[in-house]
Amino acid sequence: MNKDEHNTFNLKQALDNLFQKDKKLSRNLTEQQIKRIWYEMMDNTLAPYTTRVKFKDGTLKVWLNSSSMRDELNRGKKMIIKNMNDKIGEERIKKLILL
């Protein structure tokens, strides 16, 4: 292992330790990651209708300013949850509530 690989490993290990010790920091990072993924997945088509995104305890709440978009997305909730969890790399989102 060269010096760069050793330093990278130590940095990763240090960050993992930090997140394990500080659950609030880890939770906030997860929420920010999920918000970013929501906007990436919804792209320019649906992102402008999103007014707020909140993630807590496995539930993703998304506020939309269009009832027709909300109805359309409600039909594909399971697929949205699956695609977002795939992008995250683990099953973090259990429930999606569109408001």
C-alpha atoms as a PDB file:
ATOM      1  CA  MET A   1       0.000   0.000   0.000  1.00  0.00           C
ATOM      2  CA  ASN A   2       1.526   3.336  -1.015  1.00  0.00           C
ATOM      3  CA  LYS A   3       1.332   6.496   1.084  1.00  0.00           C
ATOM      4  CA  ASP A   4      -1.747   7.899  -0.743  1.00  0.00           C
ATOM      5  CA  GLU A   5      -3.684   4.660  -0.349  1.00  0.00           C
ATOM      6  CA  HIS A   6      -2.780   4.556   3.337  1.00  0.00           C
ATOM      7  CA  ASN A   7      -3.881   8.186   3.871  1.00  0.00           C
ATOM      8  CA  THR A   8      -7.132   7.625   1.978  1.00  0.00           C
ATOM      9  CA  PHE A   9      -7.925   4.585   4.059  1.00  0.00           C
ATOM     10  CA  ASN A  10      -7.258   6.497   7.272  1.00  0.00           C
ATOM     11  CA  LEU A  11      -9.434   9.421   6.165  1.00  0.00           C
ATOM     12  CA  LYS A  12     -12.298   7.077   5.284  1.00  0.00           C
ATOM     13  CA  GLN A  13     -11.899   5.276   8.585  1.00  0.00           C
ATOM     14  CA  ALA A  14     -11.852   8.589  10.476  1.00  0.00           C
ATOM     15  CA  LEU A  15     -15.029   9.802   8.720  1.00  0.00           C
ATOM     16  CA  ASP A  16     -16.783   6.494   9.415  1.00  0.00           C
ATOM     17  CA  ASN A  17     -15.831   6.768  13.076  1.00  0.00           C
ATOM     18  CA  LEU A  18     -17.040  10.378  13.202  1.00  0.00           C
ATOM     19  CA  PHE A  19     -20.435   9.473  11.739  1.00  0.00           C
ATOM     20  CA  GLN A  20     -20.834   6.507  14.057  1.00  0.00           C
ATOM     21  CA  LYS A  21     -20.135   8.733  17.053  1.00  0.00           C
ATOM     22  CA  ASP A  22     -22.289  11.619  15.928  1.00  0.00           C
ATOM     23  CA  LYS A  23     -25.626  10.195  14.806  1.00  0.00           C
ATOM     24  CA  LYS A  24     -27.088  13.683  14.328  1.00  0.00           C
ATOM     25  CA  LEU A  25     -24.342  14.574  11.847  1.00  0.00           C
ATOM     26  CA  SER A  26     -24.917  11.295  10.037  1.00  0.00           C
ATOM     27  CA  ARG A  27     -28.693  11.900   9.992  1.00  0.00           C
ATOM     28  CA  ASN A  28     -28.213  15.409   8.579  1.00  0.00           C
ATOM     29  CA  LEU A  29     -25.844  14.120   5.920  1.00  0.00           C
ATOM     30  CA  THR A  30     -28.376  11.460   4.940  1.00  0.00           C
ATOM     31  CA  GLU A  31     -31.163  14.036   4.723  1.00  0.00           C
ATOM     32  CA  GLN A  32     -29.038  16.303   2.536  1.00  0.00           C
ATOM     33  CA  GLN A  33     -28.064  13.351   0.340  1.00  0.00           C
ATOM     34  CA  ILE A  34     -31.718  12.335  -0.070  1.00  0.00           C
ATOM     35  CA  LYS A  35     -32.767  15.900  -0.914  1.00  0.00           C
ATOM     36  CA  ARG A  36     -30.035  16.095  -3.545  1.00  0.00           C
ATOM     37  CA  ILE A  37     -31.104  12.761  -5.037  1.00  0.00           C
ATOM     38  CA  TRP A  38     -34.756  13.868  -5.135  1.00  0.00           C
ATOM     39  CA  TYR A  39     -33.878  16.974  -7.144  1.00  0.00           C
ATOM     40  CA  GLU A  40     -31.522  15.019  -9.421  1.00  0.00           C
ATOM     41  CA  MET A  41     -34.137  12.373 -10.143  1.00  0.00           C
ATOM     42  CA  MET A  42     -36.949  14.840 -10.687  1.00  0.00           C
ATOM     43  CA  ASP A  43     -34.723  16.902 -12.971  1.00  0.00           C
ATOM     44  CA  ASN A  44     -36.103  20.036 -14.644  1.00  0.00           C
ATOM     45  CA  THR A  45     -39.492  18.456 -15.244  1.00  0.00           C
ATOM     46  CA  LEU A  46     -40.741  18.004 -11.672  1.00  0.00           C
ATOM     47  CA  ALA A  47     -38.173  19.745  -9.474  1.00  0.00           C
ATOM     48  CA  PRO A  48     -39.729  23.207 -10.044  1.00  0.00           C
ATOM     49  CA  TYR A  49     -42.972  21.929  -8.466  1.00  0.00           C
ATOM     50  CA  THR A  50     -41.146  20.833  -5.293  1.00  0.00           C
ATOM     51  CA  THR A  51     -41.352  23.385  -2.500  1.00  0.00           C
ATOM     52  CA  ARG A  52     -39.877  21.375   0.380  1.00  0.00           C
ATOM     53  CA  VAL A  53     -38.259  17.992   1.044  1.00  0.00           C
ATOM     54  CA  LYS A  54     -37.922  16.471   4.517  1.00  0.00           C
ATOM     55  CA  PHE A  55     -36.554  13.064   5.542  1.00  0.00           C
ATOM     56  CA  LYS A  56     -36.859  11.613   9.024  1.00  0.00           C
ATOM     57  CA  ASP A  57     -37.039   8.075  10.424  1.00  0.00           C
ATOM     58  CA  GLY A  58     -37.388   6.400   7.021  1.00  0.00           C
ATOM     59  CA  THR A  59     -40.154   8.716   5.808  1.00  0.00           C
ATOM     60  CA  LEU A  60     -39.599  11.092   2.923  1.00  0.00           C
ATOM     61  CA  LYS A  61     -42.062  13.974   2.835  1.00  0.00           C
ATOM     62  CA  VAL A  62     -42.218  16.075  -0.312  1.00  0.00           C
ATOM     63  CA  TRP A  63     -44.310  19.212  -0.646  1.00  0.00           C
ATOM     64  CA  LEU A  64     -45.483  19.999  -4.170  1.00  0.00           C
ATOM     65  CA  ASN A  65     -47.245  23.105  -5.425  1.00  0.00           C
ATOM     66  CA  SER A  66     -49.180  21.227  -8.110  1.00  0.00           C
ATOM     67  CA  SER A  67     -52.018  18.838  -7.287  1.00  0.00           C
ATOM     68  CA  SER A  68     -51.822  17.235 -10.747  1.00  0.00           C
ATOM     69  CA  MET A  69     -48.107  16.493 -10.264  1.00  0.00           C
ATOM     70  CA  ARG A  70     -48.844  15.140  -6.780  1.00  0.00           C
ATOM     71  CA  ASP A  71     -51.510  12.814  -8.239  1.00  0.00           C
ATOM     72  CA  GLU A  72     -49.157  11.653 -10.984  1.00  0.00           C
ATOM     73  CA  LEU A  73     -46.306  10.946  -8.551  1.00  0.00           C
ATOM     74  CA  ASN A  74     -48.661   9.147  -6.133  1.00  0.00           C
ATOM     75  CA  ARG A  75     -49.215   6.513  -8.815  1.00  0.00           C
ATOM     76  CA  GLY A  76     -45.490   5.775  -8.956  1.00  0.00           C
ATOM     77  CA  LYS A  77     -44.534   5.980  -5.276  1.00  0.00           C
ATOM     78  CA  LYS A  78     -43.143   2.452  -5.040  1.00  0.00           C
ATOM     79  CA  MET A  79     -40.950   2.993  -8.088  1.00  0.00           C
ATOM     80  CA  ILE A  80     -39.724   6.364  -6.773  1.00  0.00           C
ATOM     81  CA  ILE A  81     -38.798   4.790  -3.413  1.00  0.00           C
ATOM     82  CA  LYS A  82     -37.017   1.890  -5.140  1.00  0.00           C
ATOM     83  CA  ASN A  83     -35.070   4.156  -7.501  1.00  0.00           C
ATOM     84  CA  MET A  84     -34.034   6.527  -4.729  1.00  0.00           C
ATOM     85  CA  ASN A  85     -32.911   3.680  -2.461  1.00  0.00           C
ATOM     86  CA  ASP A  86     -30.949   2.203  -5.380  1.00  0.00           C
ATOM     87  CA  LYS A  87     -29.230   5.554  -5.885  1.00  0.00           C
ATOM     88  CA  ILE A  88     -28.480   5.845  -2.139  1.00  0.00           C
ATOM     89  CA  GLY A  89     -27.086   2.316  -2.096  1.00  0.00           C
ATOM     90  CA  GLU A  90     -29.209   1.061   0.778  1.00  0.00           C
ATOM     91  CA  GLU A  91     -32.849   0.948   1.821  1.00  0.00           C
ATOM     92  CA  ARG A  92     -33.197   4.201   3.770  1.00  0.00           C
ATOM     93  CA  ILE A  93     -36.567   5.382   2.448  1.00  0.00           C
ATOM     94  CA  LYS A  94     -39.447   3.230   3.671  1.00  0.00           C
ATOM     95  CA  LYS A  95     -42.346   5.589   3.023  1.00  0.00           C
ATOM     96  CA  LEU A  96     -43.027   8.523   0.666  1.00  0.00           C
ATOM     97  CA  ILE A  97     -45.637  11.132   1.558  1.00  0.00           C
ATOM     98  CA  LEU A  98     -46.532  13.697  -1.088  1.00  0.00           C
ATOM     99  CA  LEU A  99     -48.119  16.851   0.283  1.00  0.00           C
END
